[in-house]
Amino acid sequence: MKIIISPAKKMNMDGDFLPSRQAPVYLEKTQQLKEYLQNLTYIELKKLLCCNDEIARLNYERYQRMDLCRYTNPAILSYDGIQYMYMAPQVFEDGYFDYIEDHLRILSGFYGILKPFDGVVPYRLEMQAKLKTPFCHNLYDYWKDDIYRELTQNDTRILNLASAEYSKTVEKYLTADINYVTCKFGELIDGKVIEKGVYVKMARGEMVRFLAENAVEDLAEIKRFNRLGFLYMDDLSDDNTFVFVKTTK
């Protein structure tokens, strides 16, 4: 079983208590993106990233001095967002790290797909960025089915905990032999399951931790997840969508 999650916009490179284990599988393609981004002006990069001056300046300077092979940190310890806060990999036990290295994959606009201990450098590039270059129309075009092929190379079961922006890179290429399950986290309001961004990110992080703590290998075991007040609802779910409803505030 492979578990897919989104990256976070913010990155923290202070988590160097564990070393990287290997380079990302598509590092050569990342190098091509890096070289293109290095040649953008500050104004061009800011427009591409759709961000304020402070973030644009930080990332312009990052790209100008970026070396993809030096001063890297494990991907799982480098992203700093709500999902990763609730996953809390900084306090994982050794067995949890082994589990996520085998099962967890982080989707990225810059790196394509990452194992938790792939060495990364800080960057900012969302998958939906309007990056039109001489070699691609956008990042979905750039990565094509690379992410999907790597993800399904040795597995036919995928648990989707990623946002639509990132899961789109996989769903477009799904074939009938792939067992693809999406977890949906929400509140039941007027008979409808309503997802709220912060709670969804919290739940996705807690779900990864739950899976690692219990060394879950069977998709059916995912239904036992009951953290942050979420409970699996069989009557709202189907074979491809597991719905968890928040039952407490």
Protein backbone atom coordinates (compact mmCIF):
# COMPACT_ATOMS: atom_id res chain seq x y z
CA MET A 1 0.00 0.00 0.00
CA LYS A 2 1.19 3.49 -0.87
CA ILE A 3 -0.05 6.60 0.94
CA ILE A 4 0.11 9.95 -0.87
CA ILE A 5 0.14 13.35 0.80
CA SER A 6 0.71 16.95 -0.27
CA PRO A 7 3.77 19.00 0.64
CA ALA A 8 3.55 22.22 2.65
CA LYS A 9 4.35 25.68 1.33
CA LYS A 10 6.54 26.51 4.31
CA MET A 11 9.75 24.56 4.86
CA ASN A 12 11.85 24.17 7.98
CA MET A 13 15.46 23.12 7.51
CA ASP A 14 16.36 22.87 11.21
CA GLY A 15 15.36 19.21 11.54
CA ASP A 16 18.84 17.83 10.88
CA PHE A 17 18.88 15.25 13.65
CA LEU A 18 18.37 12.52 11.04
CA PRO A 19 20.28 12.36 7.74
CA SER A 20 18.86 11.98 4.26
CA ARG A 21 19.10 8.45 2.86
CA GLN A 22 18.95 8.97 -0.88
CA ALA A 23 18.34 11.47 -3.67
CA PRO A 24 14.84 11.97 -5.11
CA VAL A 25 14.11 9.65 -8.02
CA TYR A 26 13.51 12.47 -10.51
CA LEU A 27 16.39 14.72 -9.48
CA GLU A 28 17.46 15.35 -13.08
CA LYS A 29 14.02 16.73 -13.92
CA THR A 30 14.14 18.86 -10.77
CA GLN A 31 17.50 20.19 -11.93
CA GLN A 32 15.90 21.34 -15.18
CA LEU A 33 13.17 23.18 -13.27
CA LYS A 34 15.75 24.73 -10.96
CA GLU A 35 17.81 26.08 -13.85
CA TYR A 36 14.73 27.60 -15.47
CA LEU A 37 13.62 29.22 -12.21
CA GLN A 38 17.12 30.58 -11.57
CA ASN A 39 16.88 32.51 -14.82
CA LEU A 40 13.64 34.27 -13.90
CA THR A 41 13.79 37.84 -12.69
CA TYR A 42 12.56 38.65 -9.21
CA ILE A 43 9.33 40.11 -10.65
CA GLU A 44 8.75 37.03 -12.85
CA LEU A 45 9.27 34.66 -9.93
CA LYS A 46 6.99 36.67 -7.65
CA LYS A 47 4.23 36.56 -10.28
CA LEU A 48 4.68 32.81 -10.71
CA LEU A 49 4.56 32.11 -6.96
CA CYS A 50 1.63 34.50 -6.32
CA CYS A 51 3.08 35.64 -3.02
CA ASN A 52 4.08 38.75 -1.10
CA ASP A 53 7.44 40.51 -1.32
CA GLU A 54 8.93 38.81 1.73
CA ILE A 55 8.22 35.29 0.45
CA ALA A 56 9.22 36.20 -3.10
CA ARG A 57 12.56 37.64 -1.96
CA LEU A 58 13.29 34.59 0.21
CA ASN A 59 12.62 32.19 -2.61
CA TYR A 60 14.39 34.26 -5.25
CA GLU A 61 17.52 34.11 -3.10
CA ARG A 62 16.99 30.39 -2.51
CA TYR A 63 16.87 29.63 -6.22
CA GLN A 64 19.89 31.80 -6.98
CA ARG A 65 22.14 29.86 -4.60
CA MET A 66 20.41 26.48 -4.79
CA ASP A 67 22.45 23.28 -4.94
CA LEU A 68 20.23 20.21 -5.04
CA CYS A 69 22.94 17.89 -3.74
CA ARG A 70 24.30 19.83 -0.75
CA TYR A 71 22.85 20.66 2.65
CA THR A 72 19.78 18.50 2.15
CA ASN A 73 17.39 17.30 4.84
CA PRO A 74 14.90 14.41 4.82
CA ALA A 75 11.68 15.50 3.12
CA ILE A 76 9.46 14.34 5.98
CA LEU A 77 11.26 16.66 8.41
CA SER A 78 11.48 19.61 6.02
CA TYR A 79 7.83 20.55 5.44
CA ASP A 80 6.25 22.76 8.09
CA GLY A 81 2.45 22.95 7.90
CA ILE A 82 -0.63 21.89 9.83
CA GLN A 83 -0.65 18.38 8.37
CA TYR A 84 2.98 17.83 9.33
CA MET A 85 2.46 19.36 12.76
CA TYR A 86 -0.22 16.77 13.55
CA MET A 87 1.80 13.98 11.98
CA ALA A 88 4.69 15.05 14.25
CA PRO A 89 7.46 13.01 12.60
CA GLN A 90 10.03 14.69 14.86
CA VAL A 91 8.88 12.40 17.67
CA PHE A 92 8.37 9.21 15.66
CA GLU A 93 9.80 5.97 16.97
CA ASP A 94 12.25 4.12 14.70
CA GLY A 95 9.60 1.64 13.58
CA TYR A 96 7.32 4.46 12.44
CA PHE A 97 10.08 5.86 10.24
CA ASP A 98 10.59 2.44 8.67
CA TYR A 99 6.87 2.22 7.95
CA ILE A 100 6.56 5.61 6.28
CA GLU A 101 9.73 5.11 4.24
CA ASP A 102 8.10 2.00 2.77
CA HIS A 103 4.56 3.36 2.40
CA LEU A 104 4.40 7.17 2.41
CA ARG A 105 5.03 9.33 -0.65
CA ILE A 106 4.99 13.13 -0.78
CA LEU A 107 3.88 14.67 -4.08
CA SER A 108 5.71 17.83 -5.13
CA GLY A 109 5.59 20.34 -7.94
CA PHE A 110 9.39 20.68 -7.77
CA TYR A 111 10.53 17.12 -7.06
CA GLY A 112 7.62 15.13 -8.50
CA ILE A 113 7.45 12.41 -5.87
CA LEU A 114 9.44 11.96 -2.68
CA LYS A 115 10.15 9.22 -0.20
CA PRO A 116 10.26 10.50 3.39
CA PHE A 117 14.06 10.29 3.63
CA ASP A 118 14.85 11.72 0.21
CA GLY A 119 17.19 14.68 0.59
CA VAL A 120 15.56 18.01 -0.29
CA VAL A 121 16.43 21.69 -0.15
CA PRO A 122 13.97 24.49 0.66
CA TYR A 123 11.91 25.66 -2.31
CA ARG A 124 8.49 27.04 -3.17
CA LEU A 125 6.63 25.80 -6.24
CA GLU A 126 3.04 24.66 -6.07
CA MET A 127 1.80 22.04 -8.52
CA GLN A 128 -0.87 24.42 -9.82
CA ALA A 129 1.63 27.22 -10.52
CA LYS A 130 1.19 28.68 -14.00
CA LEU A 131 4.64 27.65 -15.17
CA LYS A 132 4.72 27.85 -18.95
CA THR A 133 8.16 27.16 -20.38
CA PRO A 134 9.74 26.06 -23.68
CA PHE A 135 9.56 22.49 -22.35
CA CYS A 136 6.10 22.36 -20.70
CA HIS A 137 2.71 24.08 -20.61
CA ASN A 138 2.45 23.67 -16.82
CA LEU A 139 3.71 21.34 -14.10
CA TYR A 140 1.03 18.74 -14.78
CA ASP A 141 2.32 18.61 -18.33
CA TYR A 142 5.92 18.53 -17.12
CA TRP A 143 5.45 15.53 -14.83
CA LYS A 144 2.91 13.77 -17.07
CA ASP A 145 2.59 10.17 -15.75
CA ASP A 146 6.02 10.08 -14.06
CA ILE A 147 4.57 10.37 -10.57
CA TYR A 148 1.94 7.73 -11.25
CA ARG A 149 4.43 5.27 -12.75
CA GLU A 150 6.80 5.58 -9.81
CA LEU A 151 3.95 5.29 -7.32
CA THR A 152 2.48 2.13 -8.86
CA GLN A 153 5.73 0.44 -9.80
CA ASN A 154 5.45 -2.21 -7.08
CA ASP A 155 1.99 -1.60 -5.64
CA THR A 156 -1.63 -1.56 -6.78
CA ARG A 157 -3.15 -0.04 -3.62
CA ILE A 158 -3.12 3.71 -3.05
CA LEU A 159 -4.51 5.64 -0.10
CA ASN A 160 -5.08 9.26 -1.10
CA LEU A 161 -4.55 11.80 1.68
CA ALA A 162 -3.47 14.54 -0.74
CA SER A 163 -5.33 17.66 -1.83
CA ALA A 164 -7.00 17.75 -5.24
CA GLU A 165 -4.16 19.93 -6.56
CA TYR A 166 -1.74 17.05 -6.04
CA SER A 167 -3.90 13.93 -6.32
CA LYS A 168 -4.77 15.10 -9.83
CA THR A 169 -1.27 13.99 -10.90
CA VAL A 170 -2.25 10.41 -10.06
CA GLU A 171 -5.99 10.22 -10.74
CA LYS A 172 -5.63 11.20 -14.39
CA TYR A 173 -3.72 7.98 -15.09
CA LEU A 174 -5.53 5.42 -12.92
CA THR A 175 -6.17 2.04 -14.48
CA ALA A 176 -8.70 -0.62 -13.52
CA ASP A 177 -6.14 -2.73 -11.65
CA ILE A 178 -5.38 0.02 -9.12
CA ASN A 179 -7.30 0.03 -5.83
CA TYR A 180 -7.48 3.78 -5.16
CA VAL A 181 -9.12 5.00 -1.95
CA THR A 182 -9.60 8.62 -0.90
CA CYS A 183 -10.20 9.61 2.72
CA LYS A 184 -12.69 12.41 3.23
CA PHE A 185 -12.87 14.26 6.57
CA GLY A 186 -15.76 16.57 7.35
CA GLU A 187 -18.71 17.60 9.46
CA LEU A 188 -22.25 16.44 8.78
CA ILE A 189 -24.30 19.59 8.15
CA ASP A 190 -27.88 19.36 6.83
CA GLY A 191 -27.21 15.83 5.64
CA LYS A 192 -24.06 16.76 3.71
CA VAL A 193 -20.42 16.14 4.57
CA ILE A 194 -18.73 19.55 4.62
CA GLU A 195 -14.93 19.64 4.62
CA LYS A 196 -13.14 22.49 6.39
CA GLY A 197 -9.54 23.09 5.35
CA VAL A 198 -7.84 23.24 8.75
CA TYR A 199 -9.63 20.18 10.12
CA VAL A 200 -8.87 18.22 6.95
CA LYS A 201 -5.16 18.99 7.21
CA MET A 202 -5.15 18.06 10.89
CA ALA A 203 -6.92 14.78 10.19
CA ARG A 204 -4.60 13.85 7.32
CA GLY A 205 -1.60 14.31 9.57
CA GLU A 206 -3.16 12.30 12.38
CA MET A 207 -4.10 9.60 9.88
CA VAL A 208 -0.48 9.16 8.77
CA ARG A 209 0.59 8.91 12.41
CA PHE A 210 -2.19 6.38 13.11
CA LEU A 211 -1.13 4.25 10.15
CA ALA A 212 2.52 4.32 11.21
CA GLU A 213 1.80 3.57 14.87
CA ASN A 214 -0.34 0.58 13.91
CA ALA A 215 1.78 -0.55 10.94
CA VAL A 216 -1.39 -0.69 8.84
CA GLU A 217 -1.08 -2.81 5.69
CA ASP A 218 -4.74 -3.46 4.86
CA LEU A 219 -6.99 -0.72 3.50
CA ALA A 220 -9.86 -2.05 5.62
CA GLU A 221 -7.90 -1.29 8.82
CA ILE A 222 -7.99 2.41 7.96
CA LYS A 223 -11.64 2.46 9.01
CA ARG A 224 -10.53 2.10 12.65
CA PHE A 225 -9.18 5.67 12.65
CA ASN A 226 -10.93 7.62 15.44
CA ARG A 227 -8.78 10.62 16.31
CA LEU A 228 -9.68 14.32 16.65
CA GLY A 229 -13.31 13.28 17.06
CA PHE A 230 -13.54 11.69 13.59
CA LEU A 231 -15.33 8.38 13.08
CA TYR A 232 -15.71 6.27 9.96
CA MET A 233 -19.23 6.37 8.51
CA ASP A 234 -20.05 3.24 6.55
CA ASP A 235 -23.36 4.55 5.19
CA LEU A 236 -21.62 7.59 3.67
CA SER A 237 -18.65 5.66 2.27
CA ASP A 238 -18.05 3.36 -0.68
CA ASP A 239 -15.20 1.22 -1.99
CA ASN A 240 -13.27 4.25 -3.25
CA THR A 241 -14.13 6.88 -0.64
CA PHE A 242 -13.81 6.41 3.11
CA VAL A 243 -15.77 9.15 4.88
CA PHE A 244 -14.90 10.21 8.41
CA VAL A 245 -17.26 12.58 10.19
CA LYS A 246 -16.27 14.80 13.09
CA THR A 247 -18.54 13.86 15.96
CA THR A 248 -17.13 16.17 18.65
CA LYS A 249 -16.07 19.82 18.67
